[in-house]
Protein backbone atom coordinates (compact mmCIF):
# COMPACT_ATOMS: atom_id res chain seq x y z
CA UNK A 1 80.26 131.95 90.52
CA UNK A 2 77.86 134.36 88.75
CA UNK A 3 75.18 131.66 88.85
CA UNK A 4 75.79 130.69 92.48
CA UNK A 5 73.20 131.45 95.16
CA UNK A 6 76.09 132.19 97.52
CA UNK A 7 79.84 132.49 96.97
CA UNK A 8 82.13 132.21 99.98
CA UNK A 9 85.91 132.51 100.01
CA UNK A 10 88.49 131.08 102.35
CA UNK A 11 92.23 131.20 102.92
CA UNK A 12 94.35 128.33 101.59
CA UNK A 13 94.36 125.53 104.14
CA UNK A 14 91.22 126.79 105.91
CA UNK A 15 88.20 125.52 103.97
CA UNK A 16 87.37 123.27 106.93
CA UNK A 17 87.10 126.35 109.16
CA UNK A 18 84.76 127.97 106.62
CA UNK A 19 82.50 124.91 106.70
CA UNK A 20 82.42 124.95 110.50
CA UNK A 21 81.54 128.65 110.39
CA UNK A 22 78.71 127.88 107.98
CA UNK A 23 77.34 125.13 110.23
CA UNK A 24 77.36 127.44 113.25
CA UNK A 25 76.95 130.76 111.48
CA UNK A 26 74.60 133.67 111.26
CA UNK A 27 73.65 136.10 108.49
CA UNK A 28 74.66 134.88 105.05
CA UNK A 29 76.39 131.85 106.56
CA UNK A 30 73.12 130.80 108.19
CA UNK A 31 71.40 131.14 104.80
CA UNK A 32 73.99 128.80 103.28
CA UNK A 33 73.49 126.34 106.13
CA UNK A 34 69.72 126.35 105.65
CA UNK A 35 70.12 125.85 101.91
CA UNK A 36 72.31 122.82 102.51
CA UNK A 37 69.93 121.45 105.12
CA UNK A 38 67.13 121.51 102.55
CA UNK A 39 69.21 118.98 100.55
CA UNK A 40 70.00 116.68 99.00
CA UNK A 41 73.14 118.18 97.47
CA UNK A 42 76.34 117.07 95.77
CA UNK A 43 79.76 118.35 96.75
CA UNK A 44 82.25 118.64 93.89
CA UNK A 45 85.35 117.63 95.80
CA UNK A 46 88.78 118.43 94.41
CA UNK A 47 92.17 119.87 95.19
CA UNK A 48 92.06 123.53 94.28
CA UNK A 49 95.72 124.16 95.03
CA UNK A 50 98.74 121.85 95.10
CA UNK A 51 100.55 124.36 97.31
CA UNK A 52 98.61 123.18 100.37
CA UNK A 53 97.95 119.93 102.15
CA UNK A 54 94.61 118.27 101.24
CA UNK A 55 93.84 117.74 104.93
CA UNK A 56 91.71 120.87 105.13
CA UNK A 57 89.54 119.72 102.22
CA UNK A 58 89.15 116.26 103.72
CA UNK A 59 88.16 117.75 107.09
CA UNK A 60 85.61 120.00 105.38
CA UNK A 61 84.09 117.01 103.57
CA UNK A 62 83.89 115.10 106.85
CA UNK A 63 82.10 117.99 108.56
CA UNK A 64 79.50 118.21 105.77
CA UNK A 65 78.95 114.45 105.79
CA UNK A 66 78.50 114.45 109.54
CA UNK A 67 76.04 117.37 109.47
CA UNK A 68 73.89 116.35 106.49
CA UNK A 69 72.86 112.73 105.90
CA UNK A 70 72.04 113.28 102.23
CA UNK A 71 75.48 114.57 101.27
CA UNK A 72 77.03 112.96 98.21
CA UNK A 73 80.40 113.69 96.62
CA UNK A 74 81.65 113.92 93.06
CA UNK A 75 85.46 113.82 93.05
CA UNK A 76 86.93 116.34 90.61
CA UNK A 77 90.16 114.54 89.87
CA UNK A 78 92.69 115.91 87.39
CA UNK A 79 93.87 112.64 85.87
CA UNK A 80 91.86 110.00 84.04
CA UNK A 81 91.11 106.60 85.59
CA UNK A 82 92.23 107.50 89.11
CA UNK A 83 89.18 105.62 90.40
CA UNK A 84 90.28 102.58 88.43
CA UNK A 85 93.71 102.72 90.06
CA UNK A 86 92.13 103.05 93.51
CA UNK A 87 89.80 100.10 92.84
CA UNK A 88 92.91 98.09 91.94
CA UNK A 89 94.47 98.92 95.31
CA UNK A 90 97.09 101.39 94.05
CA UNK A 91 97.10 103.59 97.16
CA UNK A 92 98.80 103.39 100.57
CA UNK A 93 97.08 100.96 102.90
CA UNK A 94 94.61 99.75 100.27
CA UNK A 95 93.91 96.41 98.62
CA UNK A 96 91.85 95.80 95.45
CA UNK A 97 88.14 96.45 95.68
CA UNK A 98 88.23 99.47 98.05
CA UNK A 99 89.39 97.36 100.99
CA UNK A 100 91.74 98.61 103.70
CA UNK A 101 94.91 96.58 104.22
CA UNK A 102 94.22 95.40 107.77
CA UNK A 103 90.54 94.56 107.14
CA UNK A 104 91.33 92.62 103.97
CA UNK A 105 94.52 90.91 105.09
CA UNK A 106 93.06 87.46 105.85
CA UNK A 107 90.88 87.45 102.73
CA UNK A 108 93.68 88.26 100.31
CA UNK A 109 96.33 86.20 102.07
CA UNK A 110 94.08 83.17 101.65
CA UNK A 111 94.23 83.69 97.88
CA UNK A 112 97.68 85.21 97.39
CA UNK A 113 99.71 83.82 100.26
CA UNK A 114 100.87 87.24 101.45
CA UNK A 115 100.08 90.95 101.31
CA UNK A 116 102.19 93.98 102.36
CA UNK A 117 103.13 94.06 106.02
CA UNK A 118 102.64 97.80 106.41
CA UNK A 119 100.67 100.65 104.91
CA UNK A 120 103.48 102.06 102.76
CA UNK A 121 103.97 105.62 101.53
CA UNK A 122 102.16 108.09 99.35
CA UNK A 123 104.09 109.90 96.58
CA UNK A 124 105.64 112.43 98.97
CA UNK A 125 106.59 109.68 101.40
CA UNK A 126 108.17 107.57 98.66
CA UNK A 127 110.29 110.48 97.44
CA UNK A 128 111.30 111.37 101.00
CA UNK A 129 112.33 107.77 101.70
CA UNK A 130 114.28 107.61 98.45
CA UNK A 131 116.01 110.91 99.26
CA UNK A 132 117.04 109.42 102.62
CA UNK A 133 118.57 106.40 100.87
CA UNK A 134 115.90 104.02 102.16
CA UNK A 135 114.72 102.79 98.74
CA UNK A 136 116.91 100.52 96.63
CA UNK A 137 114.74 100.41 93.50
CA UNK A 138 112.23 103.11 92.56
CA UNK A 139 109.71 102.29 89.82
CA UNK A 140 108.12 105.21 87.97
CA UNK A 141 104.85 103.95 86.51
CA UNK A 142 103.89 106.62 84.00
CA UNK A 143 105.18 109.24 86.45
CA UNK A 144 107.40 112.27 85.88
CA UNK A 145 108.11 113.63 89.38
CA UNK A 146 110.72 116.10 88.15
CA UNK A 147 108.09 117.94 86.12
CA UNK A 148 104.87 117.10 87.92
CA UNK A 149 105.46 116.77 91.67
CA UNK A 150 104.61 120.06 93.47
CA UNK A 151 107.85 120.08 95.51
CA UNK A 152 110.67 120.26 92.91
CA UNK A 153 113.46 119.95 95.47
CA UNK A 154 112.05 116.78 97.03
CA UNK A 155 111.45 115.23 93.59
CA UNK A 156 115.05 115.84 92.52
CA UNK A 157 116.49 114.51 95.80
CA UNK A 158 114.23 111.47 95.65
CA UNK A 159 115.28 110.39 92.18
CA UNK A 160 118.93 111.06 93.00
CA UNK A 161 118.72 109.10 96.26
CA UNK A 162 117.25 105.90 94.83
CA UNK A 163 120.02 103.47 93.88
CA UNK A 164 118.13 102.22 90.80
CA UNK A 165 115.32 104.00 88.94
CA UNK A 166 113.12 102.01 86.55
CA UNK A 167 110.82 104.07 84.32
CA UNK A 168 107.76 102.48 82.69
CA UNK A 169 106.36 105.04 80.28
CA UNK A 170 105.07 105.73 76.79
CA UNK A 171 107.24 108.76 75.94
CA UNK A 172 110.55 110.21 77.13
CA UNK A 173 110.42 112.98 79.72
CA UNK A 174 112.77 114.53 82.28
CA UNK A 175 112.42 111.68 84.79
CA UNK A 176 112.65 108.96 82.13
CA UNK A 177 115.83 110.47 80.75
CA UNK A 178 117.47 110.16 84.17
CA UNK A 179 116.32 106.58 84.80
CA UNK A 180 118.73 103.64 84.94
CA UNK A 181 116.31 101.32 83.13
CA UNK A 182 113.51 102.30 80.75
CA UNK A 183 110.73 99.83 79.86
CA UNK A 184 108.45 101.11 77.05
CA UNK A 185 104.75 100.72 77.82
CA UNK A 186 101.78 100.44 75.48
CA UNK A 187 99.69 103.59 75.41
CA UNK A 188 96.12 104.58 74.64
CA UNK A 189 94.40 102.34 72.07
CA UNK A 190 97.41 99.99 72.12
CA UNK A 191 96.04 97.60 74.76
CA UNK A 192 92.77 96.21 76.10
CA UNK A 193 91.55 97.07 79.57
CA UNK A 194 89.00 99.14 81.47
CA UNK A 195 88.65 102.72 82.66
CA UNK A 196 86.62 104.12 85.55
CA UNK A 197 85.29 107.68 85.44
CA UNK A 198 84.57 110.17 88.23
CA UNK A 199 81.21 108.63 89.18
CA UNK A 200 82.68 105.12 89.36
CA UNK A 201 81.35 104.09 85.94
CA UNK A 202 83.41 101.21 84.57
CA UNK A 203 83.75 100.83 80.78
CA UNK A 204 85.95 98.62 78.60
CA UNK A 205 88.84 99.98 76.54
CA UNK A 206 89.66 98.08 73.36
CA UNK A 207 92.96 97.81 71.54
CA UNK A 208 92.89 99.50 68.12
CA UNK A 209 96.52 99.41 66.99
CA UNK A 210 99.63 97.35 67.66
CA UNK A 211 102.09 98.87 70.16
CA UNK A 212 105.31 100.05 68.50
CA UNK A 213 108.59 98.22 68.92
CA UNK A 214 108.97 96.39 72.20
CA UNK A 215 106.28 98.35 74.06
CA UNK A 216 104.00 96.15 76.16
CA UNK A 217 100.99 96.67 78.44
CA UNK A 218 101.72 97.64 82.04
CA UNK A 219 100.30 94.41 83.45
CA UNK A 220 102.57 92.34 81.21
CA UNK A 221 105.64 94.28 82.33
CA UNK A 222 104.65 93.77 85.97
CA UNK A 223 104.15 90.02 85.46
CA UNK A 224 107.52 89.71 83.71
CA UNK A 225 109.35 91.65 86.44
CA UNK A 226 107.74 89.45 89.09
CA UNK A 227 108.80 86.32 87.22
CA UNK A 228 112.39 87.59 86.95
CA UNK A 229 112.35 88.14 90.72
CA UNK A 230 111.24 84.56 91.36
CA UNK A 231 107.51 85.13 91.78
CA UNK A 232 104.64 84.09 89.54
CA UNK A 233 101.59 86.36 89.55
CA UNK A 234 99.57 83.51 88.05
CA UNK A 235 98.06 85.54 85.20
CA UNK A 236 98.67 85.14 81.48
CA UNK A 237 96.09 87.48 79.96
CA UNK A 238 93.52 90.13 80.82
CA UNK A 239 90.71 87.59 81.13
CA UNK A 240 92.53 85.91 84.00
CA UNK A 241 93.29 89.26 85.64
CA UNK A 242 89.65 90.34 85.48
CA UNK A 243 88.43 86.97 86.70
CA UNK A 244 90.57 87.39 89.79
CA UNK A 245 89.50 91.01 90.31
CA UNK A 246 85.79 90.22 90.04
CA UNK A 247 86.22 87.30 92.45
CA UNK A 248 88.47 88.85 95.10
CA UNK A 249 87.81 92.60 94.98
CA UNK A 250 84.57 93.28 96.91
CA UNK A 251 83.65 96.49 95.04
CA UNK A 252 83.94 94.63 91.70
CA UNK A 253 82.27 91.41 92.81
CA UNK A 254 80.16 89.87 90.08
CA UNK A 255 81.15 92.35 87.36
CA UNK A 256 82.13 89.99 84.56
CA UNK A 257 83.76 90.89 81.25
CA UNK A 258 80.75 89.65 79.20
CA UNK A 259 78.43 91.90 81.24
CA UNK A 260 80.81 94.81 80.89
CA UNK A 261 81.06 94.33 77.14
CA UNK A 262 77.27 94.29 76.75
CA UNK A 263 76.74 97.42 78.87
CA UNK A 264 77.04 100.20 76.29
CA UNK A 265 77.04 102.88 79.01
CA UNK A 266 79.30 100.92 81.32
CA UNK A 267 78.52 99.74 84.85
CA UNK A 268 78.54 101.98 87.92
CA UNK A 269 80.57 100.20 90.55
CA UNK A 270 79.12 100.80 93.99
CA UNK A 271 79.62 99.64 97.53
CA UNK A 272 79.56 95.86 97.69
CA UNK A 273 76.95 94.47 100.09
CA UNK A 274 77.57 91.03 101.60
CA UNK A 275 75.15 88.34 100.49
CA UNK A 276 72.62 86.97 102.98
CA UNK A 277 74.13 83.52 102.66
CA UNK A 278 77.64 83.93 101.24
CA UNK A 279 78.95 81.02 99.25
CA UNK A 280 82.52 79.81 99.69
CA UNK A 281 84.85 81.71 97.37
CA UNK A 282 87.98 80.50 95.60
CA UNK A 283 89.96 82.29 98.29
CA UNK A 284 88.15 80.29 100.96
CA UNK A 285 88.49 77.03 99.02
CA UNK A 286 92.25 77.50 98.74
CA UNK A 287 92.54 78.23 102.43
CA UNK A 288 90.55 75.07 103.26
CA UNK A 289 92.60 72.97 100.85
CA UNK A 290 95.85 74.13 102.44
CA UNK A 291 94.62 73.32 105.95
CA UNK A 292 95.96 69.81 106.48
CA UNK A 293 96.49 70.25 110.21
CA UNK A 294 94.31 69.76 113.25
CA UNK A 295 91.36 71.74 111.94
CA UNK A 296 92.06 74.89 113.91
CA UNK A 297 92.28 77.10 110.82
CA UNK A 298 89.00 77.98 109.13
CA UNK A 299 88.50 79.11 105.53
CA UNK A 300 87.83 82.78 104.85
CA UNK A 301 84.50 82.76 103.02
CA UNK A 302 83.08 86.27 103.47
CA UNK A 303 84.67 89.18 101.66
CA UNK A 304 85.78 92.11 103.82
CA UNK A 305 83.71 95.28 103.90
CA UNK A 306 84.79 98.17 101.73
CA UNK A 307 86.75 100.93 103.43
CA UNK A 308 84.92 103.42 105.66
CA UNK A 309 85.63 107.14 105.62
CA UNK A 310 87.76 107.94 108.67
CA UNK A 311 89.51 111.29 108.16
CA UNK A 312 92.58 112.16 110.23
CA UNK A 313 92.52 115.16 112.53
CA UNK A 314 93.49 118.45 110.90
CA UNK A 315 94.32 121.81 112.42
CA UNK A 316 94.61 124.86 110.19
CA UNK A 317 97.91 126.72 110.60
CA UNK A 318 97.91 130.16 112.17
CA UNK A 319 97.82 133.15 109.84
CA UNK A 320 101.12 134.98 109.30
CA UNK A 321 100.27 138.66 108.99
CA UNK A 322 103.51 139.36 107.14
CA UNK A 323 103.09 136.68 104.45
CA UNK A 324 100.76 135.76 101.64
CA UNK A 325 99.57 132.21 101.08
CA UNK A 326 100.38 130.65 97.73
CA UNK A 327 97.62 129.17 95.59
CA UNK A 328 98.92 126.96 92.78
CA UNK A 329 96.41 126.02 90.13
CA UNK A 330 96.51 123.41 87.39
CA UNK A 331 95.46 123.97 83.79
CA UNK A 332 94.07 121.42 81.35
CA UNK A 333 96.87 122.11 78.88
CA UNK A 334 100.34 122.12 80.41
CA UNK A 335 103.85 120.84 79.78
CA UNK A 336 102.87 117.31 80.76
CA UNK A 337 104.20 114.40 78.72
CA UNK A 338 100.97 113.46 76.95
CA UNK A 339 99.99 117.02 76.01
CA UNK A 340 103.43 117.83 74.64
CA UNK A 341 103.43 114.72 72.45
CA UNK A 342 100.22 115.86 70.75
CA UNK A 343 101.06 118.55 68.14
CA UNK A 344 97.46 119.83 68.14
CA UNK A 345 97.57 120.42 71.92
CA UNK A 346 101.16 121.42 72.65
CA UNK A 347 100.57 125.02 71.58
CA UNK A 348 97.61 125.50 73.93
CA UNK A 349 99.72 125.65 77.10
CA UNK A 350 98.86 128.61 79.33
CA UNK A 351 101.50 131.25 80.03
CA UNK A 352 103.14 131.27 83.47
CA UNK A 353 102.50 134.25 85.70
CA UNK A 354 101.99 135.68 89.16
CA UNK A 355 98.72 137.25 90.30
CA UNK A 356 97.79 139.08 93.52
CA UNK A 357 94.93 141.17 94.87
CA UNK A 358 95.43 144.94 94.28
CA UNK A 359 94.82 145.63 97.98
CA UNK A 360 97.73 143.39 98.96
CA UNK A 361 99.99 144.99 96.37
CA UNK A 362 99.11 148.47 97.65
CA UNK A 363 99.86 147.39 101.21
CA UNK A 364 103.25 146.03 100.13
CA UNK A 365 104.07 149.05 97.99
CA UNK A 366 104.18 146.99 94.80
CA UNK A 367 102.95 148.49 91.55
CA UNK A 368 101.20 146.83 88.65
CA UNK A 369 103.57 144.77 86.50
CA UNK A 370 106.49 145.33 88.90
CA UNK A 371 109.17 142.67 89.01
CA UNK A 372 109.18 141.07 92.45
CA UNK A 373 111.01 138.40 94.38
CA UNK A 374 108.79 135.77 95.95
CA UNK A 375 110.39 133.77 98.77
CA UNK A 376 109.37 130.85 100.95
CA UNK A 377 111.36 128.75 103.44
CA UNK A 378 111.97 126.37 100.52
CA UNK A 379 113.26 128.73 97.82
CA UNK A 380 112.63 131.88 95.81
CA UNK A 381 111.82 133.11 92.32
CA UNK A 382 111.45 136.37 90.43
CA UNK A 383 108.41 137.25 88.35
CA UNK A 384 106.27 140.11 87.10
CA UNK A 385 103.18 140.46 89.27
CA UNK A 386 99.77 141.22 87.79
CA UNK A 387 96.97 142.79 89.86
CA UNK A 388 93.82 140.65 89.84
CA UNK A 389 90.79 141.47 91.96
CA UNK A 390 89.50 137.89 91.68
CA UNK A 391 92.44 136.65 93.78
CA UNK A 392 91.32 136.70 97.45
CA UNK A 393 93.18 139.06 99.75
CA UNK A 394 95.99 137.40 101.65
CA UNK A 395 96.84 135.05 98.80
CA UNK A 396 99.01 135.05 95.70
CA UNK A 397 98.35 132.81 92.69
CA UNK A 398 100.50 130.91 90.19
CA UNK A 399 99.96 128.12 87.66
CA UNK A 400 101.81 124.79 87.93
CA UNK A 401 103.33 122.89 85.06
CA UNK A 402 103.43 125.65 82.45
CA UNK A 403 107.08 126.69 82.59
CA UNK A 404 109.22 129.24 84.38
CA UNK A 405 108.84 130.80 86.83
CA UNK A 406 107.57 127.62 88.45
CA UNK A 407 105.89 127.60 91.89
CA UNK A 408 107.44 124.18 92.59
CA UNK A 409 110.61 125.88 93.90
CA UNK A 410 108.50 127.48 96.67
CA UNK A 411 106.44 124.50 97.81
CA UNK A 412 107.35 122.21 100.70
CA UNK A 413 105.37 118.97 100.43
CA UNK A 414 105.52 118.52 104.21
CA UNK A 415 103.88 121.89 105.02
CA UNK A 416 100.14 122.44 105.41
CA UNK A 417 100.31 125.68 103.42
CA UNK A 418 102.97 127.63 101.53
CA UNK A 419 103.62 131.03 103.10
CA UNK A 420 105.55 133.48 100.89
CA UNK A 421 107.03 136.95 101.24
CA UNK A 422 106.94 139.41 98.33
CA UNK A 423 109.40 142.24 97.78
CA UNK A 424 110.14 144.53 94.88
CA UNK A 425 113.42 144.27 92.99
CA UNK A 426 115.21 147.57 92.72
């Protein structure tokens, strides 16, 4: 922030209100608004705290996009290849190629025969459904909810509530150890594929070594499970998978493996624009071939448009004058599975702690390095608090995934923010 022209702070769960104040503001806020209006500018968009709902951040992004035509975004995502997963349709209500489920239903059903009937759940929704006994089989695809999900209680209840848990992973972890079935997956450099970075740049990943034991690539495990369940995904190797992706997924249309291999810097995958005179696709050909009736059905020949940004309504929760709002940060080196399996990295994990603004500690009668009890409607923990003037007033900060005390016992995944009370321990 030392190099920033302006530095503005906001309460957890209220960045959207700050943006609205900037757009309508005076004084320094008006200066920020005028600076943005001079554009163009790029918004680095991320999730600064897992102790709050991302709705406020999404609403803030929507307000900026609506106010300034030249706004662009660079997602600051914590995990690698999230964009690749999204392009493959691995998100609620999405199909491959950045297509929404309802808009792409006809197109993909023409090729596949069927697609999901409903939008489905996100991670929190899946765990909640499992905890309620609504999920028979829960598949963990490289996921360790017990260690990584912000709401520890919901993660534990979700895994306990699912009747069968199948873990597909490269190394053992807390969630894998509690699974009913474990299927070893090939890891980095053990399989071919692609990866997509934060700007949407697609590059190939080449296999360098043979996977150990019975470990296999994720796609092969998925195809085998489908076959055992009486379905044939119709793919036998990565070439066939990519051929289908580049044909059916609008955002990847025309990106062939030969082109990708030749592009030393990869290919930036952008918004697919429909051709002036679209040619019939394999999906449309199949639909036409299956139409043996009276000619009422027509082949689907034009790919659906990629998804449009349509943020849900968000209302910031009222401020509780008697509580502090929890900010939970992530660190590059934590107790995650991959880091802990790398001897050169495992020792770089940050120390857990609790930090608060000195003004808040004075108001609460808490001294430096006092042991305190921090409580939320979800749970409580004890920790030594450290004064830190960089922590905004009204908030208290912790780090996730670095050991005890862990903020995950305080967080409720269904709440917009995490309000906590702090008291000294006699």
